[in-house]
Amino acid sequence: MPYKKTSILFIVSLFATILLSFFIYKELTLLHFINISFVISGTYIFLSLLTMTIKGGFFDAITYGFRRVFVSKGKALSKNEVHEMTPVSDLVDFDHSPMLYSGFLLMVLMVIALFIYYF
């Protein structure tokens, strides 16, 4: 059911864009919609890509190195303690695809509104 989550997140972010336009600018214009939807969709896309990078294991070697170098509670960690720690990629386990698809949909809507604004 990722389509249901994506559509709900897209509709909520669309309403949030409209409400933020009223709260920030005190009116709803096409330019204000474009500005706010760019920020919201960019945030969704950035967070989902960051989540994909973390889940892919890119930061596991970095955190493993930090665990080996730094001490914990004033004592050095043994090799077994370092290997028993859970990698960062296993700690992030939520589905990033609804946020990514919703961000892309909102970005497409923003680009359409941008073409309408300029032409």
C-alpha atoms as a PDB file:
ATOM      1  CA  MET A   1       0.000   0.000   0.000  1.00  0.00           C
ATOM      2  CA  PRO A   2       2.699   2.585  -0.716  1.00  0.00           C
ATOM      3  CA  TYR A   3       0.293   4.331  -3.123  1.00  0.00           C
ATOM      4  CA  LYS A   4      -2.159   5.041  -0.318  1.00  0.00           C
ATOM      5  CA  LYS A   5       0.561   6.487   1.925  1.00  0.00           C
ATOM      6  CA  THR A   6       1.961   8.519  -0.968  1.00  0.00           C
ATOM      7  CA  SER A   7      -1.409   9.965  -1.891  1.00  0.00           C
ATOM      8  CA  ILE A   8      -2.236  10.827   1.726  1.00  0.00           C
ATOM      9  CA  LEU A   9       1.153  12.486   2.215  1.00  0.00           C
ATOM     10  CA  PHE A  10       0.788  14.360  -1.085  1.00  0.00           C
ATOM     11  CA  ILE A  11      -2.676  15.674  -0.173  1.00  0.00           C
ATOM     12  CA  VAL A  12      -1.530  16.677   3.316  1.00  0.00           C
ATOM     13  CA  SER A  13       1.515  18.473   1.926  1.00  0.00           C
ATOM     14  CA  LEU A  14      -0.666  20.220  -0.668  1.00  0.00           C
ATOM     15  CA  PHE A  15      -2.990  21.503   2.058  1.00  0.00           C
ATOM     16  CA  ALA A  16       0.033  22.468   4.163  1.00  0.00           C
ATOM     17  CA  THR A  17       1.365  24.463   1.230  1.00  0.00           C
ATOM     18  CA  ILE A  18      -1.896  26.363   0.923  1.00  0.00           C
ATOM     19  CA  LEU A  19      -2.176  26.951   4.668  1.00  0.00           C
ATOM     20  CA  LEU A  20       1.432  28.106   4.936  1.00  0.00           C
ATOM     21  CA  SER A  21       0.812  30.544   2.114  1.00  0.00           C
ATOM     22  CA  PHE A  22      -2.048  32.073   4.087  1.00  0.00           C
ATOM     23  CA  PHE A  23      -0.061  32.159   7.330  1.00  0.00           C
ATOM     24  CA  ILE A  24       3.177  33.531   5.904  1.00  0.00           C
ATOM     25  CA  TYR A  25       2.025  35.778   3.067  1.00  0.00           C
ATOM     26  CA  LYS A  26      -1.600  36.440   4.155  1.00  0.00           C
ATOM     27  CA  GLU A  27      -2.792  35.564   0.634  1.00  0.00           C
ATOM     28  CA  LEU A  28      -2.699  32.730  -1.862  1.00  0.00           C
ATOM     29  CA  THR A  29      -1.023  33.558  -5.149  1.00  0.00           C
ATOM     30  CA  LEU A  30       0.649  31.331  -7.690  1.00  0.00           C
ATOM     31  CA  LEU A  31       4.086  32.680  -6.819  1.00  0.00           C
ATOM     32  CA  HIS A  32       3.609  31.992  -3.098  1.00  0.00           C
ATOM     33  CA  PHE A  33       2.388  28.483  -3.892  1.00  0.00           C
ATOM     34  CA  ILE A  34       5.481  27.877  -6.032  1.00  0.00           C
ATOM     35  CA  ASN A  35       7.838  29.137  -3.322  1.00  0.00           C
ATOM     36  CA  ILE A  36       6.348  27.092  -0.496  1.00  0.00           C
ATOM     37  CA  SER A  37       5.871  23.922  -2.546  1.00  0.00           C
ATOM     38  CA  PHE A  38       9.530  24.119  -3.593  1.00  0.00           C
ATOM     39  CA  VAL A  39      10.649  24.144   0.038  1.00  0.00           C
ATOM     40  CA  ILE A  40       8.321  21.334   1.094  1.00  0.00           C
ATOM     41  CA  SER A  41       9.080  19.081  -1.884  1.00  0.00           C
ATOM     42  CA  GLY A  42      12.809  19.754  -1.591  1.00  0.00           C
ATOM     43  CA  THR A  43      12.698  18.787   2.071  1.00  0.00           C
ATOM     44  CA  TYR A  44      10.843  15.546   1.280  1.00  0.00           C
ATOM     45  CA  ILE A  45      13.267  14.625  -1.479  1.00  0.00           C
ATOM     46  CA  PHE A  46      16.347  15.508   0.604  1.00  0.00           C
ATOM     47  CA  LEU A  47      15.167  13.500   3.631  1.00  0.00           C
ATOM     48  CA  SER A  48      14.222  10.471   1.546  1.00  0.00           C
ATOM     49  CA  LEU A  49      17.569  10.499  -0.299  1.00  0.00           C
ATOM     50  CA  LEU A  50      19.395  10.840   3.020  1.00  0.00           C
ATOM     51  CA  THR A  51      17.416   7.891   4.357  1.00  0.00           C
ATOM     52  CA  MET A  52      18.286   5.841   1.259  1.00  0.00           C
ATOM     53  CA  THR A  53      21.969   6.645   1.761  1.00  0.00           C
ATOM     54  CA  ILE A  54      21.885   5.661   5.425  1.00  0.00           C
ATOM     55  CA  LYS A  55      19.945   2.446   4.731  1.00  0.00           C
ATOM     56  CA  GLY A  56      22.428   1.568   1.986  1.00  0.00           C
ATOM     57  CA  GLY A  57      25.214   1.302   4.552  1.00  0.00           C
ATOM     58  CA  PHE A  58      27.282   4.287   3.440  1.00  0.00           C
ATOM     59  CA  PHE A  59      27.779   5.561   6.998  1.00  0.00           C
ATOM     60  CA  ASP A  60      28.384   2.148   8.608  1.00  0.00           C
ATOM     61  CA  ALA A  61      32.154   2.258   8.015  1.00  0.00           C
ATOM     62  CA  ILE A  62      32.347   5.822   9.317  1.00  0.00           C
ATOM     63  CA  THR A  63      30.486   4.999  12.524  1.00  0.00           C
ATOM     64  CA  TYR A  64      32.539   1.827  12.929  1.00  0.00           C
ATOM     65  CA  GLY A  65      35.709   3.920  12.729  1.00  0.00           C
ATOM     66  CA  PHE A  66      34.404   6.418  15.264  1.00  0.00           C
ATOM     67  CA  ARG A  67      33.498   3.592  17.623  1.00  0.00           C
ATOM     68  CA  ARG A  68      37.023   2.215  17.392  1.00  0.00           C
ATOM     69  CA  VAL A  69      38.703   5.571  17.973  1.00  0.00           C
ATOM     70  CA  PHE A  70      36.622   7.172  20.698  1.00  0.00           C
ATOM     71  CA  VAL A  71      36.139   5.882  24.204  1.00  0.00           C
ATOM     72  CA  SER A  72      32.806   5.150  25.813  1.00  0.00           C
ATOM     73  CA  LYS A  73      32.183   6.275  29.409  1.00  0.00           C
ATOM     74  CA  GLY A  74      35.889   6.737  30.062  1.00  0.00           C
ATOM     75  CA  LYS A  75      36.964   3.243  29.033  1.00  0.00           C
ATOM     76  CA  ALA A  76      38.178   1.921  25.715  1.00  0.00           C
ATOM     77  CA  LEU A  77      35.924  -0.475  23.861  1.00  0.00           C
ATOM     78  CA  SER A  78      37.102  -3.957  23.032  1.00  0.00           C
ATOM     79  CA  LYS A  79      36.871  -5.319  19.480  1.00  0.00           C
ATOM     80  CA  ASN A  80      33.977  -7.575  20.483  1.00  0.00           C
ATOM     81  CA  GLU A  81      32.007  -4.642  21.900  1.00  0.00           C
ATOM     82  CA  VAL A  82      32.523  -2.651  18.715  1.00  0.00           C
ATOM     83  CA  HIS A  83      31.426  -5.560  16.500  1.00  0.00           C
ATOM     84  CA  GLU A  84      28.345  -6.238  18.646  1.00  0.00           C
ATOM     85  CA  MET A  85      26.999  -2.707  18.175  1.00  0.00           C
ATOM     86  CA  THR A  86      24.160  -2.359  15.700  1.00  0.00           C
ATOM     87  CA  PRO A  87      25.147  -0.640  12.447  1.00  0.00           C
ATOM     88  CA  VAL A  88      23.422   2.624  11.572  1.00  0.00           C
ATOM     89  CA  SER A  89      21.848   1.072   8.458  1.00  0.00           C
ATOM     90  CA  ASP A  90      19.944  -1.402  10.654  1.00  0.00           C
ATOM     91  CA  LEU A  91      18.608   1.362  12.914  1.00  0.00           C
ATOM     92  CA  VAL A  92      16.748   3.157  10.104  1.00  0.00           C
ATOM     93  CA  ASP A  93      13.918   0.885   9.062  1.00  0.00           C
ATOM     94  CA  PHE A  94      11.010   3.046   7.853  1.00  0.00           C
ATOM     95  CA  ASP A  95       9.880   3.147   4.243  1.00  0.00           C
ATOM     96  CA  HIS A  96      11.204   6.216   2.449  1.00  0.00           C
ATOM     97  CA  SER A  97       9.346   5.735  -0.830  1.00  0.00           C
ATOM     98  CA  PRO A  98       6.078   7.579   0.071  1.00  0.00           C
ATOM     99  CA  MET A  99       8.078  10.645   1.044  1.00  0.00           C
ATOM    100  CA  LEU A 100      10.174  10.440  -2.136  1.00  0.00           C
ATOM    101  CA  TYR A 101       7.178   9.996  -4.457  1.00  0.00           C
ATOM    102  CA  SER A 102       5.192  12.706  -2.702  1.00  0.00           C
ATOM    103  CA  GLY A 103       8.143  15.066  -3.004  1.00  0.00           C
ATOM    104  CA  PHE A 104       8.452  14.326  -6.717  1.00  0.00           C
ATOM    105  CA  LEU A 105       4.701  14.794  -7.259  1.00  0.00           C
ATOM    106  CA  LEU A 106       4.740  18.109  -5.449  1.00  0.00           C
ATOM    107  CA  MET A 107       7.821  19.133  -7.443  1.00  0.00           C
ATOM    108  CA  VAL A 108       6.031  18.279 -10.712  1.00  0.00           C
ATOM    109  CA  LEU A 109       3.041  20.332  -9.594  1.00  0.00           C
ATOM    110  CA  MET A 110       5.387  23.191  -8.746  1.00  0.00           C
ATOM    111  CA  VAL A 111       7.041  23.033 -12.195  1.00  0.00           C
ATOM    112  CA  ILE A 112       3.616  23.085 -13.875  1.00  0.00           C
ATOM    113  CA  ALA A 113       2.660  26.111 -11.786  1.00  0.00           C
ATOM    114  CA  LEU A 114       5.978  27.710 -12.707  1.00  0.00           C
ATOM    115  CA  PHE A 115       5.271  27.299 -16.419  1.00  0.00           C
ATOM    116  CA  ILE A 116       1.796  28.772 -15.914  1.00  0.00           C
ATOM    117  CA  TYR A 117       3.314  31.690 -14.024  1.00  0.00           C
ATOM    118  CA  TYR A 118       5.852  32.524 -16.731  1.00  0.00           C
ATOM    119  CA  PHE A 119       3.678  31.911 -19.796  1.00  0.00           C
END
